[in-house]
N, C-alpha and C. Protein backbone atom coordinates (compact mmCIF):
# COMPACT_ATOMS: atom_id res chain seq x y z
N UNK A 1 -37.68 -36.92 -7.95
CA UNK A 1 -36.91 -36.58 -8.39
C UNK A 1 -35.48 -37.67 -9.10
N UNK A 2 -35.02 -37.57 -10.24
CA UNK A 2 -34.57 -38.52 -10.85
C UNK A 2 -32.97 -38.24 -10.33
N UNK A 3 -32.36 -39.36 -10.54
CA UNK A 3 -30.97 -39.47 -10.19
C UNK A 3 -29.94 -38.97 -10.69
N UNK A 4 -30.22 -38.82 -12.19
CA UNK A 4 -29.78 -37.18 -13.05
C UNK A 4 -29.84 -36.34 -12.30
N UNK A 5 -31.16 -35.72 -12.15
CA UNK A 5 -31.29 -34.68 -11.66
C UNK A 5 -31.07 -34.25 -10.48
N UNK A 6 -30.67 -35.05 -9.04
CA UNK A 6 -30.12 -35.16 -7.28
C UNK A 6 -28.86 -34.97 -7.60
N UNK A 7 -28.37 -35.72 -8.74
CA UNK A 7 -26.33 -36.13 -8.72
C UNK A 7 -26.23 -34.59 -9.20
N UNK A 8 -27.32 -33.56 -10.01
CA UNK A 8 -26.57 -32.28 -10.72
C UNK A 8 -26.55 -31.20 -9.79
N UNK A 9 -27.70 -31.80 -9.02
CA UNK A 9 -28.15 -30.77 -7.94
C UNK A 9 -27.15 -30.79 -6.63
N UNK A 10 -26.40 -31.99 -6.53
CA UNK A 10 -25.59 -32.24 -5.32
C UNK A 10 -23.70 -31.60 -6.06
N UNK A 11 -23.75 -31.20 -7.30
CA UNK A 11 -22.89 -31.01 -8.03
C UNK A 11 -23.18 -29.56 -8.22
N UNK A 12 -23.90 -28.83 -8.26
CA UNK A 12 -24.34 -27.33 -7.89
C UNK A 12 -23.92 -26.41 -6.56
N UNK A 13 -24.58 -27.54 -5.76
CA UNK A 13 -24.09 -26.95 -4.58
C UNK A 13 -23.31 -27.40 -3.55
N UNK A 14 -22.73 -28.08 -4.39
CA UNK A 14 -21.33 -28.66 -3.51
C UNK A 14 -21.45 -30.30 -2.49
N UNK A 15 -22.03 -30.65 -2.08
CA UNK A 15 -21.99 -31.40 -1.61
C UNK A 15 -21.35 -32.25 -2.24
N UNK A 16 -21.51 -33.20 -3.45
CA UNK A 16 -20.72 -33.76 -3.81
C UNK A 16 -19.11 -33.60 -3.90
N UNK A 17 -18.55 -32.62 -3.42
CA UNK A 17 -17.50 -32.29 -3.41
C UNK A 17 -17.27 -32.12 -2.00
N UNK A 18 -17.99 -32.13 -1.04
CA UNK A 18 -17.70 -31.80 0.47
C UNK A 18 -17.65 -33.78 0.21
N UNK A 19 -18.19 -34.40 -0.08
CA UNK A 19 -18.30 -35.88 0.63
C UNK A 19 -16.94 -36.58 0.02
N UNK A 20 -16.52 -35.90 -1.08
CA UNK A 20 -15.71 -36.40 -1.54
C UNK A 20 -14.13 -35.82 -0.66
N UNK A 21 -14.08 -34.70 -0.13
CA UNK A 21 -13.18 -33.71 0.55
C UNK A 21 -13.25 -35.16 1.89
N UNK A 22 -14.23 -35.38 2.50
CA UNK A 22 -14.39 -36.03 3.80
C UNK A 22 -13.25 -37.33 3.44
N UNK A 23 -13.82 -37.95 2.40
CA UNK A 23 -12.76 -39.58 2.46
C UNK A 23 -11.41 -39.75 2.89
N UNK A 24 -11.46 -40.35 3.59
CA UNK A 24 -9.88 -40.61 4.05
C UNK A 24 -9.02 -41.58 3.57
N UNK A 25 -7.92 -41.43 3.12
CA UNK A 25 -7.31 -42.03 2.37
C UNK A 25 -7.18 -43.67 2.42
N UNK A 26 -6.48 -44.23 1.24
CA UNK A 26 -6.48 -45.32 2.07
C UNK A 26 -5.37 -46.01 2.58
N UNK A 27 -5.11 -46.33 3.70
CA UNK A 27 -3.99 -46.61 4.88
C UNK A 27 -3.07 -47.81 4.05
N UNK A 28 -3.47 -48.94 2.95
CA UNK A 28 -2.74 -49.85 2.39
C UNK A 28 -1.39 -49.16 1.53
N UNK A 29 -1.72 -48.30 1.64
CA UNK A 29 -0.50 -47.82 0.24
C UNK A 29 0.63 -47.55 1.47
N UNK A 30 2.00 -48.63 0.79
CA UNK A 30 2.88 -48.04 1.44
C UNK A 30 3.89 -47.25 0.57
N UNK A 31 4.19 -46.39 1.07
CA UNK A 31 5.13 -44.84 0.60
C UNK A 31 6.88 -45.02 0.40
N UNK A 32 6.75 -46.23 1.46
CA UNK A 32 8.61 -46.51 2.10
C UNK A 32 8.53 -47.36 1.07
N UNK A 33 10.13 -47.28 0.48
CA UNK A 33 10.81 -48.05 0.34
C UNK A 33 10.55 -49.69 0.60
N UNK A 34 10.49 -50.61 0.00
CA UNK A 34 10.22 -52.06 0.61
C UNK A 34 11.47 -53.05 0.64
N UNK A 35 12.82 -52.68 -0.10
CA UNK A 35 13.94 -53.18 -0.31
C UNK A 35 15.07 -51.93 -0.51
N UNK A 36 16.27 -52.54 -0.56
CA UNK A 36 17.44 -51.92 -0.70
C UNK A 36 17.65 -51.21 -2.21
N UNK A 37 17.12 -51.93 -3.26
CA UNK A 37 17.18 -51.66 -4.69
C UNK A 37 16.02 -51.07 -5.22
N UNK A 38 14.89 -50.38 -4.16
CA UNK A 38 13.74 -49.16 -4.14
C UNK A 38 14.69 -48.03 -3.25
N UNK A 39 14.81 -48.17 -2.23
CA UNK A 39 15.88 -47.16 -1.79
C UNK A 39 16.61 -46.40 -3.35
N UNK A 40 17.88 -47.74 -3.02
CA UNK A 40 18.50 -46.80 -4.18
C UNK A 40 18.32 -45.80 -5.23
N UNK A 41 17.22 -46.61 -6.01
CA UNK A 41 16.63 -46.38 -7.23
C UNK A 41 15.88 -45.41 -7.18
N UNK A 42 14.90 -45.00 -5.79
CA UNK A 42 14.29 -44.17 -5.68
C UNK A 42 15.55 -42.88 -5.40
N UNK A 43 16.61 -42.89 -4.92
CA UNK A 43 17.45 -41.99 -4.77
C UNK A 43 18.02 -41.29 -6.07
N UNK A 44 18.28 -42.40 -6.73
CA UNK A 44 18.86 -42.17 -8.13
C UNK A 44 17.79 -41.00 -8.64
N UNK A 45 16.99 -41.41 -8.40
CA UNK A 45 15.45 -40.63 -9.43
C UNK A 45 15.25 -39.48 -8.64
N UNK A 46 15.50 -39.07 -7.71
CA UNK A 46 15.40 -37.67 -6.95
C UNK A 46 16.97 -37.06 -7.65
N UNK A 47 18.00 -37.97 -7.79
CA UNK A 47 18.85 -37.08 -7.84
C UNK A 47 18.95 -36.38 -9.69
N UNK A 48 18.26 -37.38 -10.35
CA UNK A 48 18.18 -37.20 -11.38
C UNK A 48 17.78 -35.81 -11.85
N UNK A 49 16.36 -35.77 -11.08
CA UNK A 49 15.24 -34.79 -10.87
C UNK A 49 15.84 -33.95 -10.66
N UNK A 50 16.77 -33.94 -9.47
CA UNK A 50 17.64 -32.53 -9.38
C UNK A 50 18.71 -31.95 -10.70
N UNK A 51 19.18 -32.48 -10.89
CA UNK A 51 19.82 -32.15 -12.08
C UNK A 51 19.24 -31.66 -13.62
N UNK A 52 18.32 -32.72 -13.41
CA UNK A 52 17.62 -31.94 -14.51
C UNK A 52 17.05 -30.76 -14.35
N UNK A 53 16.41 -30.40 -13.17
CA UNK A 53 15.90 -29.08 -12.97
C UNK A 53 17.27 -28.32 -12.82
N UNK A 54 18.44 -28.45 -13.22
CA UNK A 54 19.47 -27.46 -12.66
C UNK A 54 19.91 -27.06 -14.13
N UNK A 55 19.74 -28.14 -15.20
CA UNK A 55 19.62 -28.20 -16.40
C UNK A 55 18.63 -27.24 -17.19
N UNK A 56 17.55 -27.20 -16.57
CA UNK A 56 16.91 -26.39 -16.96
C UNK A 56 17.09 -25.15 -16.88
N UNK A 57 17.25 -24.80 -15.51
CA UNK A 57 17.57 -23.57 -14.91
C UNK A 57 18.65 -22.57 -16.03
N UNK A 58 19.78 -23.85 -16.64
CA UNK A 58 20.65 -22.90 -17.24
C UNK A 58 20.34 -22.65 -18.60
N UNK A 59 19.34 -23.77 -19.19
CA UNK A 59 18.99 -23.70 -20.53
C UNK A 59 17.77 -22.27 -20.76
N UNK A 60 17.11 -22.17 -19.41
CA UNK A 60 16.90 -20.98 -19.42
C UNK A 60 17.15 -19.40 -19.28
N UNK A 61 18.66 -19.85 -18.85
CA UNK A 61 19.32 -18.68 -18.50
C UNK A 61 19.52 -18.11 -19.93
N UNK A 62 20.26 -19.39 -20.75
CA UNK A 62 20.85 -19.18 -21.91
C UNK A 62 19.86 -18.18 -22.89
N UNK A 63 18.67 -18.97 -22.70
CA UNK A 63 17.73 -18.50 -23.62
C UNK A 63 17.05 -17.11 -23.34
N UNK A 64 17.53 -16.24 -22.07
CA UNK A 64 17.19 -15.32 -21.71
C UNK A 64 18.11 -14.42 -22.52
N UNK A 65 19.76 -14.87 -21.96
CA UNK A 65 20.73 -13.83 -22.62
C UNK A 65 20.49 -13.92 -24.38
N UNK A 66 20.42 -15.05 -24.74
CA UNK A 66 20.31 -14.90 -26.24
C UNK A 66 18.92 -14.08 -26.97
N UNK A 67 17.64 -13.91 -25.66
CA UNK A 67 16.49 -13.26 -26.55
C UNK A 67 17.00 -11.60 -26.38
N UNK A 68 17.90 -11.42 -24.97
CA UNK A 68 18.36 -9.58 -24.40
C UNK A 68 19.12 -9.67 -25.60
N UNK A 69 19.89 -10.17 -26.09
CA UNK A 69 21.03 -9.76 -27.50
C UNK A 69 19.94 -9.75 -28.89
N UNK A 70 19.07 -10.27 -29.05
CA UNK A 70 18.56 -9.75 -30.32
C UNK A 70 17.70 -8.71 -29.69
N UNK A 71 16.75 -8.69 -28.91
CA UNK A 71 16.25 -7.25 -28.49
C UNK A 71 17.22 -6.42 -28.44
N UNK A 72 18.36 -6.30 -27.85
CA UNK A 72 18.87 -5.26 -27.80
C UNK A 72 20.05 -5.10 -29.33
N UNK A 73 20.11 -5.94 -29.91
CA UNK A 73 20.41 -5.62 -31.25
C UNK A 73 19.26 -4.34 -31.86
N UNK A 74 18.02 -5.21 -32.21
CA UNK A 74 16.79 -4.68 -32.74
C UNK A 74 16.66 -3.07 -32.16
N UNK A 75 16.68 -3.09 -30.98
CA UNK A 75 16.74 -1.60 -30.45
C UNK A 75 17.79 -0.48 -31.42
N UNK A 76 19.17 -1.11 -31.36
CA UNK A 76 20.17 -0.40 -31.68
C UNK A 76 19.81 -0.05 -32.92
N UNK A 77 19.29 -1.50 -33.75
CA UNK A 77 19.42 -0.64 -35.20
C UNK A 77 18.31 0.34 -35.65
N UNK A 78 17.50 0.20 -34.11
CA UNK A 78 16.11 1.02 -34.48
C UNK A 78 16.82 2.59 -34.35
N UNK A 79 17.46 2.64 -33.36
CA UNK A 79 18.09 4.50 -32.79
C UNK A 79 18.97 4.45 -33.77
N UNK A 80 19.58 3.79 -34.54
CA UNK A 80 20.32 3.98 -35.43
C UNK A 80 21.88 3.79 -35.14
N UNK A 81 22.18 3.43 -34.06
CA UNK A 81 23.53 3.46 -33.26
C UNK A 81 24.08 2.54 -33.70
N UNK A 82 23.89 1.64 -34.54
CA UNK A 82 24.59 0.29 -35.49
C UNK A 82 25.26 0.67 -36.79
């Protein structure tokens, strides 16, 4: 059996996926900040992300109000009440 056929069979029966899921993550990756600068920068990025999320929610609400007003106007025009 050629290597391509064996690889295709492993993909079909899930052997390759199981092998990838059994791998352990590398312990060499350090996620904690190494310096004060990195800690402050990380906190600033987290705060900025929260502010952008809040702004996006406000914009979504504003768009919903505008779309609702347009739909209401169209319905009133169709009903002849305007």
